[in-house]
Amino acid sequence: MKIFKKMLLATLLTHVSMSDALPSNQFYASLEAGIFKGQFNSKYLDQTDLIPQNISESLMQNGYSGGLALGYTHSFNSHYFVGLELAGVKDGNSASFQSGAANTSFSDQIQMNSHVDFTVIPGVMTQSGFLPYIKVGISRASINDYLTSPVGYDPVMTNYNSSQTSYGFVAGLGLRYLLNDHSWLFVEENYHDYGSVNFSAFQNFSASYSHSAHIYSYATLIGASIALGNV
């Protein structure tokens, strides 16, 4: 009977959650990569014609994302944790639109180049070593717009380039898997929204147009983190 009790105690000890061994305060660095989908709900509004030739078009930027993050995590009673994270991410590819009608034949290419996120990350410790969490915070995006349009009654193709810095919010869900007390893997699904962004006005033949777009994006990321030190 004593031997059985010792075996049971040893078995229970081997199943203590990895989260119980985590330092209560930890700085870390992360490397992340994944797929990215940007949405640009663009409006090209005719400002001069008596019968406005307005255009609304949804453009999509499908590509890849990759970046680095620095963060800090504090755990509470081996049940909960909360962290702060600063991440810089590079986004690839661009979204393009080519109008077809003779009086609106311009082309537009929009690209979200990169974004920087500052987030708060509350989460839950589990006995399995899987740690679910949410992310909420602010985001700063770098966005470029390259538009080419025929200008004048004897049309001359003219370029209108605009670079914008836009601020918005980020929200997401994630799951960490602890490898040991100083490293883990993770997967995240993030949503960014930057509201309506104004780009350079442009001419199309003899008409003047304004250009704006409601910009938001989705990203699925996987990555790895390693502790830089404990407090």
Protein backbone atom coordinates (compact mmCIF):
# COMPACT_ATOMS: atom_id res chain seq x y z
CA MET A 1 0.00 0.00 0.00
CA LYS A 2 2.85 2.41 0.82
CA ILE A 3 4.48 1.58 -2.50
CA PHE A 4 1.19 2.37 -4.30
CA LYS A 5 0.91 5.73 -2.51
CA LYS A 6 4.46 6.63 -3.51
CA MET A 7 3.77 5.69 -7.13
CA LEU A 8 0.56 7.79 -7.13
CA LEU A 9 2.39 10.79 -5.66
CA ALA A 10 5.18 10.49 -8.25
CA THR A 11 2.59 10.32 -11.05
CA LEU A 12 0.83 13.46 -9.81
CA LEU A 13 4.09 15.36 -9.58
CA THR A 14 5.02 14.50 -13.14
CA HIS A 15 1.70 16.01 -14.31
CA VAL A 16 2.14 19.38 -12.64
CA SER A 17 1.43 22.04 -15.24
CA MET A 18 4.39 23.62 -16.98
CA SER A 19 2.70 26.94 -16.22
CA ASP A 20 3.27 26.36 -12.49
CA ALA A 21 7.01 26.55 -13.12
CA LEU A 22 6.92 29.76 -15.12
CA PRO A 23 8.60 32.83 -13.64
CA SER A 24 6.02 35.40 -12.51
CA ASN A 25 7.67 38.20 -14.54
CA GLN A 26 9.33 37.60 -17.88
CA PHE A 27 10.62 39.62 -20.86
CA TYR A 28 10.56 37.87 -24.24
CA ALA A 29 11.19 38.23 -27.97
CA SER A 30 9.08 36.68 -30.73
CA LEU A 31 9.43 35.87 -34.41
CA GLU A 32 6.16 35.57 -36.37
CA ALA A 33 5.00 34.93 -39.94
CA GLY A 34 1.75 34.14 -41.71
CA ILE A 35 -0.84 35.09 -44.32
CA PHE A 36 -2.39 38.53 -44.64
CA LYS A 37 -5.57 39.87 -46.25
CA GLY A 38 -6.11 43.62 -46.54
CA GLN A 39 -9.44 45.14 -47.55
CA PHE A 40 -9.78 48.62 -49.10
CA ASN A 41 -13.33 49.85 -49.60
CA SER A 42 -12.43 52.67 -51.98
CA LYS A 43 -14.55 55.63 -53.05
CA TYR A 44 -13.65 57.80 -56.05
CA LEU A 45 -16.03 60.78 -55.90
CA ASP A 46 -16.50 63.13 -58.85
CA GLN A 47 -16.28 66.71 -57.59
CA THR A 48 -16.98 68.67 -60.79
CA ASP A 49 -19.43 67.01 -63.22
CA LEU A 50 -23.11 67.98 -63.04
CA ILE A 51 -23.90 64.28 -63.12
CA PRO A 52 -21.16 62.84 -60.89
CA GLN A 53 -19.38 59.75 -62.18
CA ASN A 54 -18.77 58.29 -58.73
CA ILE A 55 -17.14 54.88 -58.26
CA SER A 56 -17.13 52.57 -55.24
CA GLU A 57 -14.89 49.53 -55.37
CA SER A 58 -13.60 46.94 -52.87
CA LEU A 59 -9.94 46.10 -53.39
CA MET A 60 -8.13 43.20 -51.74
CA GLN A 61 -4.47 42.80 -50.82
CA ASN A 62 -3.61 39.12 -50.37
CA GLY A 63 -0.07 38.38 -49.27
CA TYR A 64 2.25 37.39 -46.48
CA SER A 65 3.24 39.00 -43.19
CA GLY A 66 6.30 38.63 -41.04
CA GLY A 67 7.83 40.48 -38.14
CA LEU A 68 9.38 40.71 -34.70
CA ALA A 69 7.92 41.48 -31.29
CA LEU A 70 9.20 42.37 -27.84
CA GLY A 71 7.01 41.75 -24.82
CA TYR A 72 6.60 41.39 -21.09
CA THR A 73 4.42 38.86 -19.25
CA HIS A 74 3.29 38.78 -15.63
CA SER A 75 1.52 35.71 -14.23
CA PHE A 76 -0.93 35.57 -11.30
CA ASN A 77 -1.24 32.54 -8.99
CA SER A 78 -0.49 30.10 -11.84
CA HIS A 79 -4.01 30.74 -13.22
CA TYR A 80 -3.83 33.95 -15.27
CA PHE A 81 -1.29 36.11 -17.03
CA VAL A 82 -1.22 39.53 -18.63
CA GLY A 83 1.35 41.02 -20.95
CA LEU A 84 2.37 44.03 -23.01
CA GLU A 85 3.77 43.64 -26.51
CA LEU A 86 5.26 45.86 -29.21
CA ALA A 87 5.33 44.22 -32.67
CA GLY A 88 6.58 45.42 -36.04
CA VAL A 89 5.22 43.57 -39.08
CA LYS A 90 6.01 43.80 -42.81
CA ASP A 91 3.14 43.11 -45.23
CA GLY A 92 3.54 41.94 -48.83
CA ASN A 93 1.77 42.33 -52.18
CA SER A 94 -0.74 45.05 -53.15
CA ALA A 95 -4.36 45.62 -54.24
CA SER A 96 -5.11 46.88 -57.76
CA PHE A 97 -8.10 48.39 -59.57
CA GLN A 98 -8.50 49.28 -63.25
CA SER A 99 -11.60 51.24 -64.24
CA GLY A 100 -13.11 50.32 -67.59
CA ALA A 101 -15.42 53.11 -68.78
CA ALA A 102 -13.96 55.65 -71.22
CA ASN A 103 -14.59 58.60 -68.90
CA THR A 104 -13.13 56.89 -65.78
CA SER A 105 -10.22 54.93 -67.22
CA PHE A 106 -7.69 55.27 -64.43
CA SER A 107 -5.71 52.60 -62.56
CA ASP A 108 -5.07 52.46 -58.84
CA GLN A 109 -2.76 50.34 -56.71
CA ILE A 110 -2.96 50.44 -52.91
CA GLN A 111 -0.53 48.73 -50.56
CA MET A 112 -0.31 48.36 -46.82
CA ASN A 113 3.47 48.23 -46.41
CA SER A 114 3.82 47.59 -42.70
CA HIS A 115 2.23 48.13 -39.33
CA VAL A 116 3.33 48.49 -35.70
CA ASP A 117 1.08 47.21 -32.91
CA PHE A 118 1.12 47.95 -29.18
CA THR A 119 -1.16 45.50 -27.39
CA VAL A 120 -2.31 44.26 -24.01
CA ILE A 121 -2.46 40.45 -23.77
CA PRO A 122 -4.54 38.85 -20.99
CA GLY A 123 -4.65 35.06 -20.90
CA VAL A 124 -5.38 31.91 -18.91
CA MET A 125 -2.98 29.25 -17.61
CA THR A 126 -4.05 25.62 -18.12
CA GLN A 127 -2.78 22.26 -16.86
CA SER A 128 -2.12 21.11 -20.43
CA GLY A 129 0.55 23.70 -21.25
CA PHE A 130 -1.78 25.42 -23.76
CA LEU A 131 -2.41 29.08 -22.85
CA PRO A 132 -5.33 30.83 -24.62
CA TYR A 133 -5.26 34.63 -24.74
CA ILE A 134 -6.73 37.72 -26.37
CA LYS A 135 -4.99 40.82 -27.79
CA VAL A 136 -6.30 44.37 -27.85
CA GLY A 137 -4.44 47.56 -28.62
CA ILE A 138 -3.54 50.30 -31.07
CA SER A 139 -1.92 50.02 -34.48
CA ARG A 140 0.00 52.35 -36.79
CA ALA A 141 0.07 51.44 -40.51
CA SER A 142 2.14 52.70 -43.44
CA ILE A 143 0.00 52.79 -46.60
CA ASN A 144 0.92 53.74 -50.18
CA ASP A 145 -1.41 54.64 -53.06
CA TYR A 146 -0.17 54.71 -56.68
CA LEU A 147 -2.78 56.11 -59.08
CA THR A 148 -2.39 56.82 -62.81
CA SER A 149 -5.04 58.83 -64.68
CA PRO A 150 -5.46 60.52 -68.09
CA VAL A 151 -5.68 64.30 -67.60
CA GLY A 152 -6.97 66.97 -70.00
CA TYR A 153 -9.06 66.96 -73.18
CA ASP A 154 -5.96 65.68 -74.96
CA PRO A 155 -5.25 63.17 -72.21
CA VAL A 156 -1.80 62.92 -70.70
CA MET A 157 -1.22 60.05 -68.28
CA THR A 158 -0.40 61.51 -64.87
CA ASN A 159 0.80 59.78 -61.69
CA TYR A 160 -0.61 60.60 -58.26
CA ASN A 161 1.39 58.98 -55.46
CA SER A 162 0.32 59.24 -51.83
CA SER A 163 1.93 57.85 -48.67
CA GLN A 164 -0.16 57.81 -45.52
CA THR A 165 0.38 56.93 -41.88
CA SER A 166 -2.87 55.80 -40.32
CA TYR A 167 -3.81 54.85 -36.75
CA GLY A 168 -6.40 52.28 -35.76
CA PHE A 169 -7.03 49.38 -33.42
CA VAL A 170 -6.11 45.71 -33.33
CA ALA A 171 -7.96 42.81 -31.71
CA GLY A 172 -7.16 39.12 -31.83
CA LEU A 173 -7.23 35.63 -30.36
CA GLY A 174 -4.22 33.44 -29.75
CA LEU A 175 -2.95 30.21 -28.23
CA ARG A 176 0.48 29.54 -26.75
CA TYR A 177 2.02 26.11 -26.26
CA LEU A 178 4.76 26.00 -23.63
CA LEU A 179 7.89 24.11 -24.63
CA ASN A 180 9.56 24.82 -21.30
CA ASP A 181 9.73 27.61 -18.73
CA HIS A 182 11.50 30.02 -21.14
CA SER A 183 10.11 29.32 -24.65
CA TRP A 184 6.80 28.67 -26.39
CA LEU A 185 5.10 28.41 -29.78
CA PHE A 186 1.97 30.37 -30.67
CA VAL A 187 -0.74 30.87 -33.28
CA GLU A 188 -2.85 34.04 -33.64
CA GLU A 189 -5.77 35.43 -35.63
CA ASN A 190 -5.71 39.25 -35.70
CA TYR A 191 -8.04 41.95 -37.01
CA HIS A 192 -6.94 45.54 -37.75
CA ASP A 193 -9.18 48.49 -38.58
CA TYR A 194 -7.87 51.93 -39.61
CA GLY A 195 -11.16 53.62 -40.45
CA SER A 196 -11.45 55.90 -43.50
CA VAL A 197 -8.14 57.09 -44.98
CA ASN A 198 -7.91 59.99 -47.46
CA PHE A 199 -5.50 59.84 -50.39
CA SER A 200 -4.43 62.43 -52.95
CA ALA A 201 -7.16 63.98 -55.09
CA PHE A 202 -6.66 63.47 -58.82
CA GLN A 203 -7.91 64.52 -62.24
CA ASN A 204 -9.57 62.22 -64.72
CA PHE A 205 -9.84 63.89 -68.15
CA SER A 206 -11.40 67.24 -67.15
CA ALA A 207 -13.02 66.10 -63.88
CA SER A 208 -11.53 66.25 -60.38
CA TYR A 209 -11.92 63.30 -58.04
CA SER A 210 -11.40 62.74 -54.34
CA HIS A 211 -10.20 59.34 -53.16
CA SER A 212 -10.73 57.68 -49.79
CA ALA A 213 -10.85 54.11 -48.51
CA HIS A 214 -12.03 52.30 -45.40
CA ILE A 215 -9.10 50.03 -44.57
CA TYR A 216 -9.13 46.86 -42.48
CA SER A 217 -7.26 43.57 -42.53
CA TYR A 218 -7.07 40.00 -41.23
CA ALA A 219 -3.94 38.01 -40.48
CA THR A 220 -3.22 34.46 -39.35
CA LEU A 221 0.23 34.16 -37.77
CA ILE A 222 2.37 31.42 -36.27
CA GLY A 223 5.56 32.03 -34.35
CA ALA A 224 7.96 31.25 -31.55
CA SER A 225 9.00 33.18 -28.43
CA ILE A 226 11.98 32.95 -26.14
CA ALA A 227 12.53 34.56 -22.74
CA LEU A 228 15.17 37.27 -22.57
CA GLY A 229 15.24 37.46 -18.80
CA ASN A 230 13.20 37.24 -15.62
CA VAL A 231 12.37 39.95 -13.12
